[in-house]
Amino acid sequence: MINLHSLLPRSRGDARQLWAMVATFGLFSAANFFVTGHAAGTPPGQPIPEDFFLLSLLSLVLATLARHYALLLVFIHLENNVFRLRLSIIERVLVSSLMDFERLGAVAIFQSMATGTRLLSEITGLFSKILTLGVRGAAVLLALFWLSSTAFTVVLATLLGLGALSLVGYRRWMKAANEGSAQHQRALFAALDDLVSGYKELKLNVARGEHYFRHAVDARLTALEAAWLRRQRWVAANYVTAEGVLLLLGGAMVFLIPALEPGFSAVAVTAAVVAICIPASLLRDAPQLLDAGRALHTLEEIERQLPASAGERPAEHAPRAVAHFARLDTDGLRYRYRPQAGEAFSLGPLSLDFAAGRIHFIVGGNGSGKSTLFKLLTGLYPPQQGAVRVNGLPIDEARYEEVLAPIFFDCHLFDRLYGQTIGETKTEQVNRWLEILQIAHKTRMEGGRLTHLALSSGQKKRVALAMALVEEKPLLLLDEWAADQDPEFRAFFYTELLPQLKREGRTVIAVTHDDRYFHVADHLYRLEYGRLVETHDSSPT
């Protein structure tokens, strides 16, 4: 079910204001129904008292004003809270660890944000209907209690019984169907991601494309359809059963209760029938409300699983500035993880030293631990044992980002330099590096933004390197940067660019496979199966 508390006003003042308007709307709606009903019951030939007209008009105006203000408060707070929830998840993603992000999965996070927040925003109109009909239903029940305690008791008991049965049915059948539907939908989104990412491979291999369609798309769509049909069967059965019971109750109010209670007036009959019809109309909106409730639950669960910002540290524990980069080193560094399939992988213990102003290569075959070590050196993975230190300080105790400029193998290219003021000087620096990296004919910095981002992976890495070098940070970490470059530019990178960066006083730590250029490194570390098997120091002593 949907958690109204998490979407309605959070402050006590706003909440009191809302419920005061709701109560005002309900009371004057009941008064209007009561006065109008008595006016309608005036015997033929007798004039309707003027007081009835004035009271009916006054109660109608006050109820309408209170309803308008209550709905306005609901709309404002609903949209604000949906916006807050979306913003909170994005902020938590930014401060979460890479492990948390990988555990939850990008598909699950962003699918929930895209569909969940849309569903929650779409129920604004539904909230209006629920609030209006719910309060009017309560008002009519209040009027019915005044007119006939017997009819009030029967109607209320029936409504509570139907509500309890629906809740039991939801917990027993609907919840399982919704969870199955969500699971199949996530699998379908993953398959569609394969379609987008692997379009060229599927396009050029008919057999592969047909197999993908049958087993990845068609099978998952069929499973999703089956789960959806199970859900709709429950919704239809619940709606038809409840509506049938309410119609029987309406018949009892018209034919049975007047026979048992002679004083049961026509006004009471009308009140009872109206009180019964209002829940019946709300039943039609139950599926949409349940969908919104499930979406809200999913979003709140994702928010709960992502860590909140740690906030400001006490002054004595605040990260220290790194005024001058001297070295990066690891001491007894260990990391172990177990993939979803296959054997556990263990890295270390590693005690490595990366002195400033030198070129360091980390080499090894596939599965040797280079990428894991790279994530540890950048701080994306926290060490399970040992430490990664900058100038002798553990990197989580230093403002490591002040000296670090990493470029990942699957780097993402932003269209601007976030975190920096882009003036004319900075723009000229970016374009100068784009010229040096032989990519200025594809994109340039204009107006603080890159002109084109539709580039190949190798070209994106050149642009990413230009953007990193403009930041003028002393420590450059590169993960297989040259892997996607053509032979001529790869030679330029190793034999001209890296020595130039060294002469400028920069420190380069590069993960690489290019054994032809290992001699360029001042220091080389070779890994095999997570262990350090060779070191080579060619720097002058």
Protein backbone atom coordinates (compact mmCIF):
# COMPACT_ATOMS: atom_id res chain seq x y z
CA MET A 1 0.00 0.00 0.00
CA ILE A 2 1.05 3.59 -0.48
CA ASN A 3 2.62 5.32 2.51
CA LEU A 4 0.75 8.61 2.71
CA HIS A 5 2.95 9.89 5.50
CA SER A 6 6.04 9.97 3.28
CA LEU A 7 4.30 12.05 0.60
CA LEU A 8 2.23 14.47 2.67
CA PRO A 9 3.55 17.48 4.63
CA ARG A 10 6.51 16.71 6.88
CA SER A 11 6.38 19.72 9.21
CA ARG A 12 3.82 19.70 12.01
CA GLY A 13 2.57 23.15 11.06
CA ASP A 14 1.86 22.19 7.45
CA ALA A 15 0.31 18.88 8.52
CA ARG A 16 -2.00 20.58 11.02
CA GLN A 17 -2.99 23.11 8.38
CA LEU A 18 -3.81 20.34 5.89
CA TRP A 19 -5.86 18.24 8.29
CA ALA A 20 -7.67 21.33 9.56
CA MET A 21 -8.74 22.09 5.97
CA VAL A 22 -9.75 18.44 5.45
CA ALA A 23 -11.81 18.47 8.65
CA THR A 24 -13.43 21.77 7.65
CA PHE A 25 -14.27 20.37 4.22
CA GLY A 26 -15.77 17.24 5.79
CA LEU A 27 -17.85 19.05 8.39
CA PHE A 28 -19.34 21.56 5.97
CA SER A 29 -19.94 18.82 3.37
CA ALA A 30 -21.89 16.88 6.01
CA ALA A 31 -23.80 20.01 6.96
CA ASN A 32 -24.59 20.72 3.31
CA PHE A 33 -25.83 17.16 2.73
CA PHE A 34 -27.91 17.24 5.93
CA VAL A 35 -29.51 20.63 5.18
CA THR A 36 -30.13 19.79 1.51
CA GLY A 37 -31.61 16.43 2.46
CA HIS A 38 -34.04 17.98 4.93
CA ALA A 39 -34.99 20.65 2.41
CA ALA A 40 -35.69 17.92 -0.15
CA GLY A 41 -37.85 16.12 2.42
CA THR A 42 -40.18 19.11 2.83
CA PRO A 43 -43.77 17.93 2.15
CA PRO A 44 -45.27 19.05 -1.19
CA GLY A 45 -47.10 22.33 -1.00
CA GLN A 46 -45.08 23.63 1.95
CA PRO A 47 -42.45 26.31 1.33
CA ILE A 48 -38.81 25.50 2.02
CA PRO A 49 -37.52 27.70 4.86
CA GLU A 50 -35.17 30.44 3.71
CA ASP A 51 -32.72 29.46 6.45
CA PHE A 52 -32.25 26.11 4.68
CA PHE A 53 -31.21 27.83 1.47
CA LEU A 54 -28.79 30.19 3.21
CA LEU A 55 -27.28 27.40 5.31
CA SER A 56 -26.93 25.18 2.26
CA LEU A 57 -25.25 27.94 0.25
CA LEU A 58 -22.93 28.93 3.11
CA SER A 59 -21.88 25.35 3.84
CA LEU A 60 -21.29 24.70 0.12
CA VAL A 61 -19.06 27.79 -0.25
CA LEU A 62 -17.03 27.01 2.89
CA ALA A 63 -16.65 23.33 1.94
CA THR A 64 -15.48 24.30 -1.57
CA LEU A 65 -12.92 26.80 -0.26
CA ALA A 66 -11.58 24.32 2.30
CA ARG A 67 -11.37 21.59 -0.35
CA HIS A 68 -9.50 23.90 -2.75
CA TYR A 69 -6.94 24.88 -0.12
CA ALA A 70 -6.49 21.28 1.08
CA LEU A 71 -5.93 20.03 -2.49
CA LEU A 72 -3.45 22.83 -3.15
CA LEU A 73 -1.46 21.79 -0.06
CA VAL A 74 -1.55 18.14 -1.17
CA PHE A 75 -0.36 18.96 -4.69
CA ILE A 76 2.48 21.17 -3.47
CA HIS A 77 3.75 18.73 -0.86
CA LEU A 78 3.31 15.68 -3.08
CA GLU A 79 5.42 17.18 -5.87
CA ASN A 80 7.96 18.57 -3.38
CA ASN A 81 8.38 15.19 -1.70
CA VAL A 82 8.71 13.32 -5.00
CA PHE A 83 11.33 15.88 -6.04
CA ARG A 84 13.09 15.47 -2.66
CA LEU A 85 13.12 11.70 -3.01
CA ARG A 86 14.59 11.88 -6.53
CA LEU A 87 17.21 14.41 -5.41
CA SER A 88 18.07 12.36 -2.31
CA ILE A 89 18.73 9.23 -4.37
CA ILE A 90 20.99 11.14 -6.79
CA GLU A 91 22.90 12.70 -3.88
CA ARG A 92 23.28 9.31 -2.20
CA VAL A 93 24.55 7.77 -5.45
CA LEU A 94 27.21 10.48 -5.59
CA VAL A 95 28.44 9.79 -2.04
CA SER A 96 28.03 6.01 -2.17
CA SER A 97 30.93 3.67 -2.68
CA LEU A 98 31.51 2.00 -6.02
CA MET A 99 30.71 -1.34 -4.35
CA ASP A 100 27.28 -0.10 -3.26
CA PHE A 101 26.60 1.23 -6.75
CA GLU A 102 27.70 -2.04 -8.39
CA ARG A 103 25.67 -4.09 -5.89
CA LEU A 104 22.41 -2.24 -6.57
CA GLY A 105 23.09 -1.91 -10.30
CA ALA A 106 22.67 1.13 -12.51
CA VAL A 107 19.69 -0.43 -14.31
CA ALA A 108 17.73 -0.97 -11.08
CA ILE A 109 18.48 2.52 -9.76
CA PHE A 110 17.67 4.52 -12.87
CA GLN A 111 14.74 2.35 -13.98
CA SER A 112 13.14 2.89 -10.57
CA MET A 113 13.81 6.61 -10.73
CA ALA A 114 12.41 6.93 -14.25
CA THR A 115 9.24 4.86 -13.79
CA GLY A 116 8.73 5.33 -10.06
CA THR A 117 8.82 9.10 -9.93
CA ARG A 118 6.61 9.26 -13.03
CA LEU A 119 3.98 7.06 -11.34
CA LEU A 120 4.10 9.14 -8.18
CA SER A 121 3.73 12.38 -10.10
CA GLU A 122 0.78 10.95 -12.04
CA ILE A 123 -1.22 10.18 -8.89
CA THR A 124 -1.61 13.87 -8.06
CA GLY A 125 -5.03 13.87 -9.71
CA LEU A 126 -5.87 10.58 -8.03
CA PHE A 127 -5.03 12.08 -4.64
CA SER A 128 -7.49 14.84 -5.41
CA LYS A 129 -10.21 12.29 -6.10
CA ILE A 130 -9.38 10.20 -3.04
CA LEU A 131 -9.32 13.23 -0.77
CA THR A 132 -12.58 14.59 -2.16
CA LEU A 133 -14.52 11.33 -2.17
CA GLY A 134 -13.00 10.12 1.06
CA VAL A 135 -13.97 13.24 2.97
CA ARG A 136 -17.40 13.34 1.37
CA GLY A 137 -17.88 9.69 2.22
CA ALA A 138 -16.96 10.40 5.85
CA ALA A 139 -19.31 13.39 5.83
CA VAL A 140 -22.17 11.30 4.48
CA LEU A 141 -21.47 8.60 7.09
CA LEU A 142 -21.60 11.28 9.75
CA ALA A 143 -24.96 12.44 8.41
CA LEU A 144 -26.14 8.82 8.24
CA PHE A 145 -25.19 8.29 11.89
CA TRP A 146 -27.39 11.26 12.77
CA LEU A 147 -30.28 9.92 10.70
CA SER A 148 -30.09 6.17 11.50
CA SER A 149 -27.63 4.44 13.81
CA THR A 150 -28.70 1.04 12.44
CA ALA A 151 -27.92 1.92 8.82
CA PHE A 152 -24.67 3.59 9.91
CA THR A 153 -23.54 0.46 11.77
CA VAL A 154 -24.38 -1.88 8.88
CA VAL A 155 -22.69 0.31 6.25
CA LEU A 156 -19.58 0.95 8.34
CA ALA A 157 -19.18 -2.73 9.28
CA THR A 158 -19.50 -3.76 5.63
CA LEU A 159 -16.94 -1.18 4.45
CA LEU A 160 -14.45 -2.17 7.17
CA GLY A 161 -14.93 -5.85 6.34
CA LEU A 162 -14.32 -5.28 2.64
CA GLY A 163 -11.25 -3.18 3.45
CA ALA A 164 -9.82 -5.91 5.68
CA LEU A 165 -10.43 -8.62 3.06
CA SER A 166 -8.82 -6.50 0.35
CA LEU A 167 -5.78 -5.91 2.55
CA VAL A 168 -5.42 -9.63 3.28
CA GLY A 169 -5.76 -10.40 -0.43
CA TYR A 170 -3.16 -7.77 -1.31
CA ARG A 171 -0.65 -9.17 1.15
CA ARG A 172 -1.25 -12.74 0.05
CA TRP A 173 -1.56 -12.51 -3.75
CA MET A 174 -1.02 -9.00 -5.04
CA LYS A 175 2.32 -8.45 -3.32
CA ALA A 176 3.78 -11.66 -4.78
CA ALA A 177 2.47 -10.77 -8.24
CA ASN A 178 3.94 -7.25 -8.02
CA GLU A 179 7.35 -8.56 -6.90
CA GLY A 180 7.38 -11.06 -9.77
CA SER A 181 6.38 -8.34 -12.21
CA ALA A 182 9.16 -6.03 -10.95
CA GLN A 183 11.74 -8.82 -11.25
CA HIS A 184 10.73 -9.62 -14.83
CA GLN A 185 10.70 -5.93 -15.71
CA ARG A 186 14.27 -5.50 -14.46
CA ALA A 187 15.33 -8.50 -16.54
CA LEU A 188 13.61 -6.98 -19.58
CA PHE A 189 15.40 -3.66 -19.07
CA ALA A 190 18.71 -5.53 -18.88
CA ALA A 191 17.86 -7.26 -22.18
CA LEU A 192 17.01 -3.92 -23.78
CA ASP A 193 20.34 -2.56 -22.55
CA ASP A 194 21.98 -5.48 -24.38
CA LEU A 195 20.06 -4.47 -27.51
CA VAL A 196 21.33 -0.89 -27.36
CA SER A 197 24.92 -1.81 -26.45
CA GLY A 198 25.19 -4.84 -28.72
CA TYR A 199 23.19 -3.62 -31.69
CA LYS A 200 26.06 -4.02 -34.18
CA GLU A 201 26.82 -7.59 -33.06
CA LEU A 202 23.15 -8.58 -33.27
CA LYS A 203 22.67 -6.83 -36.61
CA LEU A 204 25.55 -8.67 -38.29
CA ASN A 205 24.67 -12.13 -36.99
CA VAL A 206 21.12 -13.23 -37.85
CA ALA A 207 21.26 -16.42 -35.80
CA ARG A 208 22.52 -14.54 -32.76
CA GLY A 209 19.84 -11.88 -33.17
CA GLU A 210 17.05 -14.46 -33.45
CA HIS A 211 18.35 -16.39 -30.44
CA TYR A 212 18.61 -13.14 -28.44
CA PHE A 213 15.05 -12.19 -29.39
CA ARG A 214 13.59 -15.58 -28.39
CA HIS A 215 15.47 -16.07 -25.13
CA ALA A 216 16.20 -12.56 -23.92
CA VAL A 217 13.23 -10.51 -25.13
CA ASP A 218 10.31 -12.76 -26.00
CA ALA A 219 10.76 -15.05 -22.98
CA ARG A 220 11.02 -12.14 -20.58
CA LEU A 221 8.08 -10.32 -22.12
CA THR A 222 6.02 -13.52 -21.84
CA ALA A 223 6.98 -13.89 -18.18
CA LEU A 224 6.17 -10.22 -17.54
CA GLU A 225 2.80 -10.60 -19.29
CA ALA A 226 1.97 -13.67 -17.17
CA ALA A 227 2.83 -11.83 -13.97
CA TRP A 228 0.77 -8.84 -15.11
CA LEU A 229 -2.23 -11.06 -15.93
CA ARG A 230 -2.07 -12.67 -12.48
CA ARG A 231 -2.12 -9.23 -10.98
CA GLN A 232 -5.05 -8.07 -13.14
CA ARG A 233 -7.06 -11.22 -12.31
CA TRP A 234 -6.74 -10.37 -8.63
CA VAL A 235 -7.69 -6.74 -9.28
CA ALA A 236 -10.74 -7.76 -11.34
CA ALA A 237 -11.88 -10.38 -8.82
CA ASN A 238 -11.43 -7.98 -5.93
CA TYR A 239 -13.28 -5.18 -7.71
CA VAL A 240 -16.22 -7.31 -8.88
CA THR A 241 -16.61 -8.97 -5.47
CA ALA A 242 -16.47 -5.71 -3.56
CA GLU A 243 -18.82 -3.95 -5.95
CA GLY A 244 -21.26 -6.86 -5.77
CA VAL A 245 -21.29 -6.73 -1.98
CA LEU A 246 -21.81 -2.97 -2.05
CA LEU A 247 -24.70 -3.30 -4.51
CA LEU A 248 -26.33 -5.91 -2.25
CA LEU A 249 -25.85 -3.56 0.66
CA GLY A 250 -27.45 -0.77 -1.36
CA GLY A 251 -30.44 -3.01 -2.03
CA ALA A 252 -30.67 -3.78 1.68
CA MET A 253 -30.70 -0.06 2.46
CA VAL A 254 -33.59 0.47 0.05
CA PHE A 255 -35.71 -2.63 0.77
CA LEU A 256 -34.66 -4.29 4.02
CA ILE A 257 -33.67 -1.60 6.53
CA PRO A 258 -36.91 0.44 6.08
CA ALA A 259 -38.91 -2.70 6.87
CA LEU A 260 -36.89 -3.34 10.04
CA GLU A 261 -36.77 0.31 11.11
CA PRO A 262 -40.07 2.09 10.37
CA GLY A 263 -38.59 5.53 11.08
CA PHE A 264 -35.96 5.08 8.34
CA SER A 265 -36.56 8.14 6.14
CA ALA A 266 -35.98 8.73 2.45
CA VAL A 267 -33.10 11.03 3.38
CA ALA A 268 -31.46 8.21 5.32
CA VAL A 269 -31.92 5.88 2.33
CA THR A 270 -30.22 8.45 0.09
CA ALA A 271 -27.36 8.96 2.57
CA ALA A 272 -26.81 5.19 2.86
CA VAL A 273 -26.75 4.69 -0.91
CA VAL A 274 -24.34 7.61 -1.41
CA ALA A 275 -22.08 6.27 1.35
CA ILE A 276 -21.99 2.93 -0.46
CA CYS A 277 -21.41 4.33 -3.96
CA ILE A 278 -18.38 6.42 -2.98
CA PRO A 279 -16.14 3.43 -2.06
CA ALA A 280 -17.29 1.64 -5.21
CA SER A 281 -15.98 4.50 -7.36
CA LEU A 282 -12.68 4.48 -5.47
CA LEU A 283 -12.20 0.77 -6.20
CA ARG A 284 -11.65 1.57 -9.88
CA ASP A 285 -8.52 3.52 -8.96
CA ALA A 286 -7.07 0.85 -6.68
CA PRO A 287 -4.62 -0.59 -9.30
CA GLN A 288 -3.08 2.81 -10.01
CA LEU A 289 -2.80 3.54 -6.30
CA LEU A 290 -1.17 0.15 -5.70
CA ASP A 291 1.31 0.75 -8.54
CA ALA A 292 2.26 4.09 -7.02
CA GLY A 293 2.62 2.47 -3.61
CA ARG A 294 4.94 -0.19 -5.01
CA ALA A 295 6.99 2.43 -6.86
CA LEU A 296 7.31 4.49 -3.69
CA HIS A 297 8.37 1.43 -1.70
CA THR A 298 11.04 0.59 -4.30
CA LEU A 299 12.40 4.14 -4.34
CA GLU A 300 12.51 4.32 -0.55
CA GLU A 301 14.24 0.92 -0.41
CA ILE A 302 16.90 2.13 -2.86
CA GLU A 303 17.30 5.32 -0.82
CA ARG A 304 17.67 3.23 2.35
CA GLN A 305 20.34 0.99 0.81
CA LEU A 306 22.43 3.94 -0.36
CA PRO A 307 24.44 5.66 2.37
CA ALA A 308 23.53 9.17 3.37
CA SER A 309 26.19 11.87 3.25
CA ALA A 310 28.51 11.65 6.21
CA GLY A 311 28.26 15.42 6.62
CA GLU A 312 30.98 17.62 8.01
CA ARG A 313 33.70 15.89 10.00
CA PRO A 314 34.93 17.38 13.27
CA ALA A 315 37.84 19.73 12.69
CA GLU A 316 40.36 17.33 14.22
CA HIS A 317 39.27 14.56 11.79
CA ALA A 318 38.80 16.67 8.67
CA PRO A 319 40.76 15.48 5.59
CA ARG A 320 44.09 17.25 5.36
CA ALA A 321 45.13 19.28 2.37
CA VAL A 322 47.85 17.85 0.12
CA ALA A 323 49.94 20.93 -0.51
CA HIS A 324 52.70 19.23 -2.49
CA PHE A 325 52.50 15.72 -3.89
CA ALA A 326 55.56 13.65 -2.92
CA ARG A 327 54.55 10.03 -3.30
CA LEU A 328 51.77 7.47 -3.37
CA ASP A 329 52.39 4.12 -1.72
CA THR A 330 50.61 1.01 -0.51
CA ASP A 331 51.41 -0.89 2.66
CA GLY A 332 50.31 -4.53 2.90
CA LEU A 333 47.37 -3.79 0.62
CA ARG A 334 44.85 -6.64 0.37
CA TYR A 335 41.48 -6.95 -1.31
CA ARG A 336 39.30 -10.00 -1.81
CA TYR A 337 35.96 -10.39 -3.51
CA ARG A 338 33.78 -13.22 -4.73
CA PRO A 339 32.10 -12.66 -8.10
CA GLN A 340 28.58 -13.90 -8.78
CA ALA A 341 30.07 -16.77 -10.77
CA GLY A 342 33.50 -18.31 -10.45
CA GLU A 343 36.11 -18.49 -7.75
CA ALA A 344 36.96 -15.75 -5.29
CA PHE A 345 39.76 -13.40 -6.29
CA SER A 346 42.38 -12.14 -3.88
CA LEU A 347 44.77 -9.25 -4.47
CA GLY A 348 47.89 -8.73 -2.37
CA PRO A 349 49.55 -8.25 -0.08
CA LEU A 350 51.08 -5.42 -2.08
CA SER A 351 53.60 -2.87 -0.85
CA LEU A 352 54.24 -0.50 -3.75
CA ASP A 353 55.91 2.88 -3.98
CA PHE A 354 55.09 5.50 -6.61
CA ALA A 355 57.52 8.40 -6.27
CA ALA A 356 56.59 11.83 -7.61
CA GLY A 357 57.85 13.00 -10.97
CA ARG A 358 58.25 9.52 -12.43
CA ILE A 359 56.47 7.22 -14.87
CA HIS A 360 55.15 4.01 -13.32
CA PHE A 361 53.67 1.09 -15.25
CA ILE A 362 51.44 -1.65 -13.81
CA VAL A 363 51.44 -4.62 -16.16
CA GLY A 364 50.09 -8.16 -16.23
CA GLY A 365 47.72 -10.46 -18.07
CA ASN A 366 43.96 -10.53 -17.93
CA GLY A 367 42.75 -11.44 -14.45
CA SER A 368 46.01 -10.42 -12.83
CA GLY A 369 44.34 -7.75 -10.65
CA LYS A 370 45.38 -4.59 -12.50
CA SER A 371 41.86 -3.11 -12.66
CA THR A 372 41.18 -3.94 -9.01
CA LEU A 373 44.47 -2.31 -8.00
CA PHE A 374 43.57 0.73 -10.11
CA LYS A 375 40.25 1.12 -8.24
CA LEU A 376 42.09 0.80 -4.92
CA LEU A 377 44.67 3.41 -5.93
CA THR A 378 41.91 5.84 -6.95
CA GLY A 379 40.01 5.23 -3.70
CA LEU A 380 36.92 3.76 -5.37
CA TYR A 381 37.46 0.50 -3.48
CA PRO A 382 38.44 0.78 0.20
CA PRO A 383 41.27 -1.57 1.28
CA GLN A 384 40.15 -4.57 3.31
CA GLN A 385 43.63 -4.78 4.80
CA GLY A 386 46.60 -2.46 4.62
CA ALA A 387 46.47 1.10 3.31
CA VAL A 388 46.87 3.35 0.30
CA ARG A 389 48.70 6.50 1.36
CA VAL A 390 49.45 9.86 -0.21
CA ASN A 391 52.41 11.64 1.35
CA GLY A 392 52.23 9.13 4.20
CA LEU A 393 48.54 9.77 4.96
CA PRO A 394 45.79 7.21 4.26
CA ILE A 395 43.92 8.62 1.26
CA ASP A 396 40.61 8.77 3.18
CA GLU A 397 42.30 11.15 5.64
CA ALA A 398 43.61 13.47 2.92
CA ARG A 399 41.96 15.61 0.28
CA TYR A 400 43.21 13.14 -2.30
CA GLU A 401 41.12 14.57 -5.11
CA GLU A 402 43.25 17.74 -5.00
CA VAL A 403 46.18 15.88 -6.58
CA LEU A 404 44.46 13.01 -8.45
CA ALA A 405 43.37 12.98 -12.11
CA PRO A 406 42.21 9.47 -13.15
CA ILE A 407 41.07 8.27 -16.57
CA PHE A 408 39.31 4.91 -16.58
CA PHE A 409 39.27 2.32 -19.33
CA ASP A 410 35.54 2.92 -19.84
CA CYS A 411 35.73 6.64 -19.08
CA HIS A 412 32.69 8.85 -19.48
CA LEU A 413 33.17 12.13 -21.32
CA PHE A 414 31.38 15.15 -19.87
CA ASP A 415 30.74 18.11 -22.14
CA ARG A 416 32.31 20.59 -19.72
CA LEU A 417 34.80 20.87 -16.87
CA TYR A 418 32.55 20.49 -13.83
CA GLY A 419 33.99 21.94 -10.64
CA GLN A 420 36.00 24.63 -12.44
CA THR A 421 35.32 28.10 -13.73
CA ILE A 422 35.65 28.04 -17.51
CA GLY A 423 37.04 31.32 -18.70
CA GLU A 424 38.89 32.32 -21.82
CA THR A 425 42.25 31.15 -20.44
CA LYS A 426 40.91 27.70 -19.50
CA THR A 427 39.21 27.33 -22.87
CA GLU A 428 42.49 28.14 -24.64
CA GLN A 429 44.29 25.55 -22.52
CA VAL A 430 41.73 22.85 -23.38
CA ASN A 431 41.96 23.61 -27.09
CA ARG A 432 45.77 23.67 -26.96
CA TRP A 433 45.81 20.16 -25.46
CA LEU A 434 43.23 19.00 -28.00
CA GLU A 435 45.64 20.17 -30.71
CA ILE A 436 48.56 18.37 -29.08
CA LEU A 437 46.48 15.18 -28.77
CA GLN A 438 45.47 15.46 -32.44
CA ILE A 439 41.74 15.53 -31.78
CA ALA A 440 40.93 19.23 -32.32
CA HIS A 441 39.51 18.46 -35.76
CA LYS A 442 36.76 16.43 -34.07
CA THR A 443 35.79 18.62 -31.13
CA ARG A 444 36.73 21.91 -29.48
CA MET A 445 35.83 23.86 -26.37
CA GLU A 446 33.47 26.72 -27.20
CA GLY A 447 31.39 28.67 -24.72
CA GLY A 448 32.56 26.44 -21.88
CA ARG A 449 31.39 23.25 -23.61
CA LEU A 450 32.78 20.69 -26.01
CA THR A 451 31.23 20.99 -29.45
CA HIS A 452 30.93 17.25 -30.19
CA LEU A 453 30.74 14.15 -27.98
CA ALA A 454 29.88 11.54 -30.63
CA LEU A 455 33.41 10.12 -30.70
CA SER A 456 35.02 6.69 -30.78
CA SER A 457 36.35 5.24 -27.52
CA GLY A 458 39.95 6.13 -28.43
CA GLN A 459 38.96 9.68 -29.35
CA LYS A 460 37.00 10.06 -26.10
CA LYS A 461 40.10 9.06 -24.16
CA ARG A 462 42.13 11.74 -25.91
CA VAL A 463 39.56 14.39 -25.01
CA ALA A 464 39.35 13.05 -21.43
CA LEU A 465 43.14 13.29 -21.15
CA ALA A 466 43.07 16.89 -22.41
CA MET A 467 40.43 17.79 -19.82
CA ALA A 468 42.46 16.06 -17.07
CA LEU A 469 45.70 17.80 -18.01
CA VAL A 470 44.02 21.20 -17.92
CA GLU A 471 43.19 20.58 -14.26
CA GLU A 472 46.98 20.64 -13.66
CA LYS A 473 46.92 17.98 -10.97
CA PRO A 474 50.28 16.34 -10.30
CA LEU A 475 49.13 12.68 -10.22
CA LEU A 476 47.74 11.13 -13.41
CA LEU A 477 46.30 7.58 -13.24
CA LEU A 478 45.58 5.91 -16.59
CA ASP A 479 43.80 2.57 -17.05
CA GLU A 480 44.70 1.03 -20.43
CA TRP A 481 44.58 4.51 -21.95
CA ALA A 482 46.50 3.61 -25.12
CA ALA A 483 44.58 0.40 -25.83
CA ASP A 484 42.19 2.08 -28.30
CA GLN A 485 44.76 4.29 -30.04
CA ASP A 486 46.19 3.72 -33.50
CA PRO A 487 49.87 2.60 -33.71
CA GLU A 488 51.20 6.03 -34.72
CA PHE A 489 49.47 7.88 -31.92
CA ARG A 490 50.33 5.13 -29.44
CA ALA A 491 54.00 5.64 -30.27
CA PHE A 492 53.55 9.41 -29.83
CA PHE A 493 51.89 8.84 -26.46
CA TYR A 494 54.66 6.66 -25.04
CA THR A 495 57.74 8.22 -26.59
CA GLU A 496 56.81 11.91 -26.64
CA LEU A 497 53.80 12.74 -24.47
CA LEU A 498 54.72 10.75 -21.33
CA PRO A 499 58.30 12.12 -21.25
CA GLN A 500 56.88 15.63 -21.70
CA LEU A 501 54.53 15.14 -18.74
CA LYS A 502 57.46 13.88 -16.69
CA ARG A 503 59.50 16.96 -17.57
CA GLU A 504 56.58 19.10 -16.38
CA GLY A 505 56.85 17.39 -13.00
CA ARG A 506 53.75 15.20 -13.30
CA THR A 507 53.57 11.68 -11.94
CA VAL A 508 52.03 9.05 -14.23
CA ILE A 509 50.76 5.66 -13.06
CA ALA A 510 49.58 3.70 -16.09
CA VAL A 511 48.01 0.26 -16.38
CA THR A 512 49.19 -1.06 -19.74
CA HIS A 513 49.67 -4.10 -21.97
CA ASP A 514 52.07 -2.47 -24.40
CA ASP A 515 55.27 -4.44 -23.73
CA ARG A 516 56.93 -2.69 -26.69
CA TYR A 517 57.08 0.49 -24.58
CA PHE A 518 57.85 -0.93 -21.13
CA HIS A 519 61.29 0.71 -21.33
CA VAL A 520 59.63 4.14 -21.09
CA ALA A 521 58.70 3.50 -17.46
CA ASP A 522 60.96 4.52 -14.61
CA HIS A 523 59.36 1.83 -12.48
CA LEU A 524 57.43 -1.26 -13.56
CA TYR A 525 55.28 -3.58 -11.43
CA ARG A 526 54.11 -6.91 -12.87
CA LEU A 527 51.11 -8.71 -11.38
CA GLU A 528 49.98 -12.30 -11.81
CA TYR A 529 46.84 -13.67 -10.16
CA GLY A 530 46.78 -10.81 -7.68
CA ARG A 531 50.43 -11.17 -6.62
CA LEU A 532 53.44 -8.99 -7.34
CA VAL A 533 55.89 -11.17 -9.31
CA GLU A 534 58.33 -8.63 -10.68
CA THR A 535 59.53 -5.09 -10.16
CA HIS A 536 61.88 -3.18 -12.40
CA ASP A 537 63.43 0.20 -11.70
CA SER A 538 65.10 1.92 -14.62
CA SER A 539 65.17 5.43 -13.17
CA PRO A 540 68.55 7.04 -12.62
CA THR A 541 69.86 6.65 -9.12
